[in-house]
Amino acid sequence: MADLAIGITAILSFWRELAFKAAAVCAASVFLLGDAVGHVRQMVIVGNFAPGNAGLPFYMDIVCPLLAIALVFVSKANANKRKRLPLNLP
């Protein structure tokens, strides 16, 4: 159900302002980074290095949130630049 909620929030964020997008990224990042912690615990405590635990899902649980957070900061910086640009009207 959490995946469904995050997916619906992400779809809704297409039509919303940057603050809503940032909140959606925050929620998804907390979920995915928490998943990554669970993967690490499984690797350390149980020794579960199966491809579904220590492979691509683990790496994507780290890379995707970090990339999304970086993109929110880039979007915010670009939005601030656009506000400061003078209009060159003829």
N, C-alpha and C. Protein backbone atom coordinates (compact mmCIF):
# COMPACT_ATOMS: atom_id res chain seq x y z
N MET A 1 0.81 -1.20 0.00
CA MET A 1 0.00 0.00 0.00
C MET A 1 0.86 1.26 0.00
N ALA A 2 2.03 1.19 0.64
CA ALA A 2 2.90 2.37 0.66
C ALA A 2 3.36 2.71 -0.76
N ASP A 3 3.66 1.69 -1.56
CA ASP A 3 4.07 1.94 -2.94
C ASP A 3 2.96 2.62 -3.74
N LEU A 4 1.73 2.19 -3.52
CA LEU A 4 0.59 2.79 -4.20
C LEU A 4 0.42 4.25 -3.78
N ALA A 5 0.53 4.52 -2.50
CA ALA A 5 0.39 5.89 -2.00
C ALA A 5 1.48 6.80 -2.56
N ILE A 6 2.70 6.30 -2.59
CA ILE A 6 3.81 7.10 -3.14
C ILE A 6 3.61 7.32 -4.63
N GLY A 7 3.15 6.31 -5.35
CA GLY A 7 2.90 6.45 -6.77
C GLY A 7 1.82 7.46 -7.09
N ILE A 8 0.72 7.42 -6.36
CA ILE A 8 -0.37 8.38 -6.57
C ILE A 8 0.10 9.79 -6.23
N THR A 9 0.86 9.93 -5.15
CA THR A 9 1.39 11.25 -4.78
C THR A 9 2.32 11.78 -5.87
N ALA A 10 3.14 10.91 -6.44
CA ALA A 10 4.05 11.32 -7.51
C ALA A 10 3.27 11.77 -8.74
N ILE A 11 2.22 11.05 -9.08
CA ILE A 11 1.40 11.44 -10.24
C ILE A 11 0.73 12.79 -9.99
N LEU A 12 0.18 12.98 -8.80
CA LEU A 12 -0.46 14.25 -8.47
C LEU A 12 0.52 15.41 -8.48
N SER A 13 1.78 15.15 -8.17
CA SER A 13 2.76 16.23 -8.10
C SER A 13 3.07 16.85 -9.45
N PHE A 14 2.72 16.18 -10.54
CA PHE A 14 2.93 16.77 -11.86
C PHE A 14 2.15 18.07 -12.04
N TRP A 15 1.01 18.18 -11.39
CA TRP A 15 0.15 19.35 -11.55
C TRP A 15 0.21 20.29 -10.36
N ARG A 16 1.18 20.11 -9.49
CA ARG A 16 1.27 20.93 -8.28
C ARG A 16 2.56 21.74 -8.28
N GLU A 17 2.69 22.61 -7.29
CA GLU A 17 3.86 23.46 -7.17
C GLU A 17 5.06 22.68 -6.62
N LEU A 18 6.20 23.35 -6.59
CA LEU A 18 7.45 22.69 -6.18
C LEU A 18 7.41 22.21 -4.73
N ALA A 19 6.72 22.91 -3.86
CA ALA A 19 6.65 22.48 -2.45
C ALA A 19 5.97 21.12 -2.33
N PHE A 20 4.93 20.89 -3.12
CA PHE A 20 4.26 19.59 -3.10
C PHE A 20 5.19 18.50 -3.63
N LYS A 21 5.93 18.83 -4.69
CA LYS A 21 6.90 17.87 -5.24
C LYS A 21 7.97 17.54 -4.21
N ALA A 22 8.43 18.55 -3.47
CA ALA A 22 9.45 18.32 -2.44
C ALA A 22 8.91 17.43 -1.34
N ALA A 23 7.65 17.62 -0.97
CA ALA A 23 7.05 16.77 0.06
C ALA A 23 6.92 15.33 -0.44
N ALA A 24 6.57 15.16 -1.70
CA ALA A 24 6.47 13.81 -2.27
C ALA A 24 7.84 13.13 -2.30
N VAL A 25 8.86 13.88 -2.66
CA VAL A 25 10.23 13.34 -2.67
C VAL A 25 10.66 12.98 -1.26
N CYS A 26 10.32 13.82 -0.29
CA CYS A 26 10.67 13.55 1.10
C CYS A 26 10.03 12.24 1.58
N ALA A 27 8.76 12.07 1.31
CA ALA A 27 8.06 10.86 1.75
C ALA A 27 8.65 9.61 1.08
N ALA A 28 8.86 9.68 -0.22
CA ALA A 28 9.43 8.53 -0.93
C ALA A 28 10.85 8.25 -0.47
N SER A 29 11.62 9.30 -0.19
CA SER A 29 13.00 9.11 0.25
C SER A 29 13.08 8.45 1.61
N VAL A 30 12.21 8.86 2.52
CA VAL A 30 12.19 8.22 3.84
C VAL A 30 11.86 6.74 3.70
N PHE A 31 10.88 6.43 2.86
CA PHE A 31 10.49 5.04 2.64
C PHE A 31 11.63 4.23 2.04
N LEU A 32 12.25 4.75 0.98
CA LEU A 32 13.29 3.99 0.28
C LEU A 32 14.57 3.88 1.09
N LEU A 33 14.96 4.94 1.78
CA LEU A 33 16.17 4.86 2.61
C LEU A 33 15.94 3.94 3.80
N GLY A 34 14.72 3.91 4.31
CA GLY A 34 14.38 2.94 5.36
C GLY A 34 14.48 1.52 4.84
N ASP A 35 14.05 1.32 3.60
CA ASP A 35 14.22 0.02 2.95
C ASP A 35 15.70 -0.37 2.87
N ALA A 36 16.54 0.60 2.52
CA ALA A 36 17.98 0.33 2.41
C ALA A 36 18.55 -0.09 3.76
N VAL A 37 18.09 0.54 4.83
CA VAL A 37 18.54 0.15 6.18
C VAL A 37 18.13 -1.29 6.45
N GLY A 38 16.93 -1.66 6.05
CA GLY A 38 16.47 -3.04 6.21
C GLY A 38 17.34 -4.02 5.44
N HIS A 39 17.75 -3.63 4.23
CA HIS A 39 18.64 -4.49 3.44
C HIS A 39 19.98 -4.67 4.14
N VAL A 40 20.52 -3.58 4.67
CA VAL A 40 21.81 -3.66 5.37
C VAL A 40 21.69 -4.56 6.59
N ARG A 41 20.61 -4.42 7.33
CA ARG A 41 20.41 -5.28 8.50
C ARG A 41 20.36 -6.74 8.09
N GLN A 42 19.66 -7.03 7.01
CA GLN A 42 19.58 -8.41 6.53
C GLN A 42 20.96 -8.93 6.12
N MET A 43 21.76 -8.07 5.52
CA MET A 43 23.10 -8.50 5.11
C MET A 43 24.00 -8.74 6.32
N VAL A 44 23.94 -7.85 7.30
CA VAL A 44 24.85 -7.94 8.45
C VAL A 44 24.41 -9.01 9.44
N ILE A 45 23.13 -9.02 9.79
CA ILE A 45 22.65 -9.92 10.85
C ILE A 45 22.45 -11.34 10.35
N VAL A 46 21.78 -11.48 9.21
CA VAL A 46 21.41 -12.80 8.71
C VAL A 46 22.39 -13.31 7.65
N GLY A 47 23.15 -12.41 7.06
CA GLY A 47 24.06 -12.82 5.98
C GLY A 47 23.33 -13.02 4.66
N ASN A 48 22.23 -12.32 4.47
CA ASN A 48 21.41 -12.45 3.27
C ASN A 48 22.00 -11.57 2.16
N PHE A 49 22.79 -12.18 1.30
CA PHE A 49 23.38 -11.46 0.18
C PHE A 49 22.76 -11.92 -1.14
N ALA A 50 21.51 -12.34 -1.09
CA ALA A 50 20.79 -12.75 -2.30
C ALA A 50 20.65 -11.54 -3.23
N PRO A 51 20.57 -11.78 -4.54
CA PRO A 51 20.45 -10.67 -5.49
C PRO A 51 19.25 -9.76 -5.21
N GLY A 52 18.17 -10.29 -4.69
CA GLY A 52 17.01 -9.47 -4.38
C GLY A 52 17.16 -8.63 -3.13
N ASN A 53 18.20 -8.89 -2.35
CA ASN A 53 18.43 -8.12 -1.12
C ASN A 53 19.68 -7.26 -1.23
N ALA A 54 20.76 -7.81 -1.73
CA ALA A 54 22.03 -7.08 -1.77
C ALA A 54 22.37 -6.59 -3.16
N GLY A 55 21.52 -6.83 -4.12
CA GLY A 55 21.80 -6.44 -5.49
C GLY A 55 21.20 -5.11 -5.86
N LEU A 56 20.62 -5.07 -7.04
CA LEU A 56 20.06 -3.85 -7.59
C LEU A 56 19.02 -3.18 -6.70
N PRO A 57 18.10 -3.92 -6.07
CA PRO A 57 17.13 -3.24 -5.20
C PRO A 57 17.79 -2.42 -4.09
N PHE A 58 18.85 -2.96 -3.51
CA PHE A 58 19.56 -2.24 -2.44
C PHE A 58 20.17 -0.95 -2.98
N TYR A 59 20.86 -1.05 -4.12
CA TYR A 59 21.50 0.14 -4.68
C TYR A 59 20.48 1.18 -5.11
N MET A 60 19.39 0.75 -5.69
CA MET A 60 18.36 1.70 -6.13
C MET A 60 17.66 2.35 -4.95
N ASP A 61 17.56 1.65 -3.83
CA ASP A 61 16.97 2.24 -2.62
C ASP A 61 17.83 3.37 -2.08
N ILE A 62 19.07 3.43 -2.50
CA ILE A 62 19.96 4.52 -2.08
C ILE A 62 20.07 5.58 -3.17
N VAL A 63 20.27 5.15 -4.41
CA VAL A 63 20.51 6.09 -5.51
C VAL A 63 19.27 6.92 -5.84
N CYS A 64 18.12 6.30 -5.94
CA CYS A 64 16.90 7.02 -6.35
C CYS A 64 16.53 8.17 -5.40
N PRO A 65 16.51 7.95 -4.08
CA PRO A 65 16.19 9.08 -3.20
C PRO A 65 17.23 10.20 -3.27
N LEU A 66 18.51 9.84 -3.34
CA LEU A 66 19.54 10.87 -3.40
C LEU A 66 19.42 11.68 -4.69
N LEU A 67 19.14 11.00 -5.79
CA LEU A 67 18.96 11.69 -7.07
C LEU A 67 17.71 12.58 -7.03
N ALA A 68 16.63 12.09 -6.48
CA ALA A 68 15.40 12.88 -6.39
C ALA A 68 15.60 14.12 -5.53
N ILE A 69 16.28 13.97 -4.40
CA ILE A 69 16.55 15.11 -3.53
C ILE A 69 17.42 16.14 -4.25
N ALA A 70 18.44 15.67 -4.96
CA ALA A 70 19.30 16.58 -5.72
C ALA A 70 18.49 17.33 -6.79
N LEU A 71 17.58 16.64 -7.45
CA LEU A 71 16.77 17.28 -8.49
C LEU A 71 15.82 18.32 -7.91
N VAL A 72 15.32 18.11 -6.70
CA VAL A 72 14.48 19.12 -6.05
C VAL A 72 15.30 20.38 -5.79
N PHE A 73 16.53 20.21 -5.31
CA PHE A 73 17.39 21.38 -5.06
C PHE A 73 17.72 22.10 -6.36
N VAL A 74 17.98 21.37 -7.43
CA VAL A 74 18.26 21.99 -8.73
C VAL A 74 17.03 22.74 -9.23
N SER A 75 15.86 22.16 -9.08
CA SER A 75 14.62 22.81 -9.50
C SER A 75 14.38 24.09 -8.71
N LYS A 76 14.66 24.05 -7.41
CA LYS A 76 14.49 25.24 -6.57
C LYS A 76 15.45 26.33 -7.01
N ALA A 77 16.70 25.97 -7.29
CA ALA A 77 17.68 26.95 -7.74
C ALA A 77 17.27 27.56 -9.08
N ASN A 78 16.77 26.74 -10.00
CA ASN A 78 16.32 27.25 -11.29
C ASN A 78 15.10 28.14 -11.15
N ALA A 79 14.20 27.80 -10.24
CA ALA A 79 13.02 28.63 -10.01
C ALA A 79 13.44 29.99 -9.46
N ASN A 80 14.42 30.02 -8.58
CA ASN A 80 14.91 31.29 -8.04
C ASN A 80 15.59 32.12 -9.12
N LYS A 81 16.33 31.48 -10.03
CA LYS A 81 16.99 32.20 -11.12
C LYS A 81 15.95 32.84 -12.04
N ARG A 82 14.90 32.09 -12.36
CA ARG A 82 13.88 32.61 -13.26
C ARG A 82 13.17 33.80 -12.66
N LYS A 83 13.03 33.85 -11.35
CA LYS A 83 12.37 34.98 -10.71
C LYS A 83 13.22 36.24 -10.80
N ARG A 84 14.56 36.09 -10.83
CA ARG A 84 15.45 37.24 -10.84
C ARG A 84 15.76 37.75 -12.24
N LEU A 85 15.48 36.99 -13.27
CA LEU A 85 15.80 37.42 -14.63
C LEU A 85 14.89 38.56 -15.05
N PRO A 86 15.49 39.62 -15.64
CA PRO A 86 14.64 40.72 -16.14
C PRO A 86 13.95 40.30 -17.43
N LEU A 87 12.81 40.86 -17.67
CA LEU A 87 12.09 40.59 -18.92
C LEU A 87 12.63 41.51 -20.00
N ASN A 88 13.02 40.96 -21.11
CA ASN A 88 13.52 41.75 -22.24
C ASN A 88 12.41 41.86 -23.28
N LEU A 89 11.48 42.72 -22.99
CA LEU A 89 10.37 42.90 -23.93
C LEU A 89 10.71 44.02 -24.90
N PRO A 90 10.34 43.86 -26.19
CA PRO A 90 10.63 44.92 -27.18
C PRO A 90 9.75 46.13 -27.00
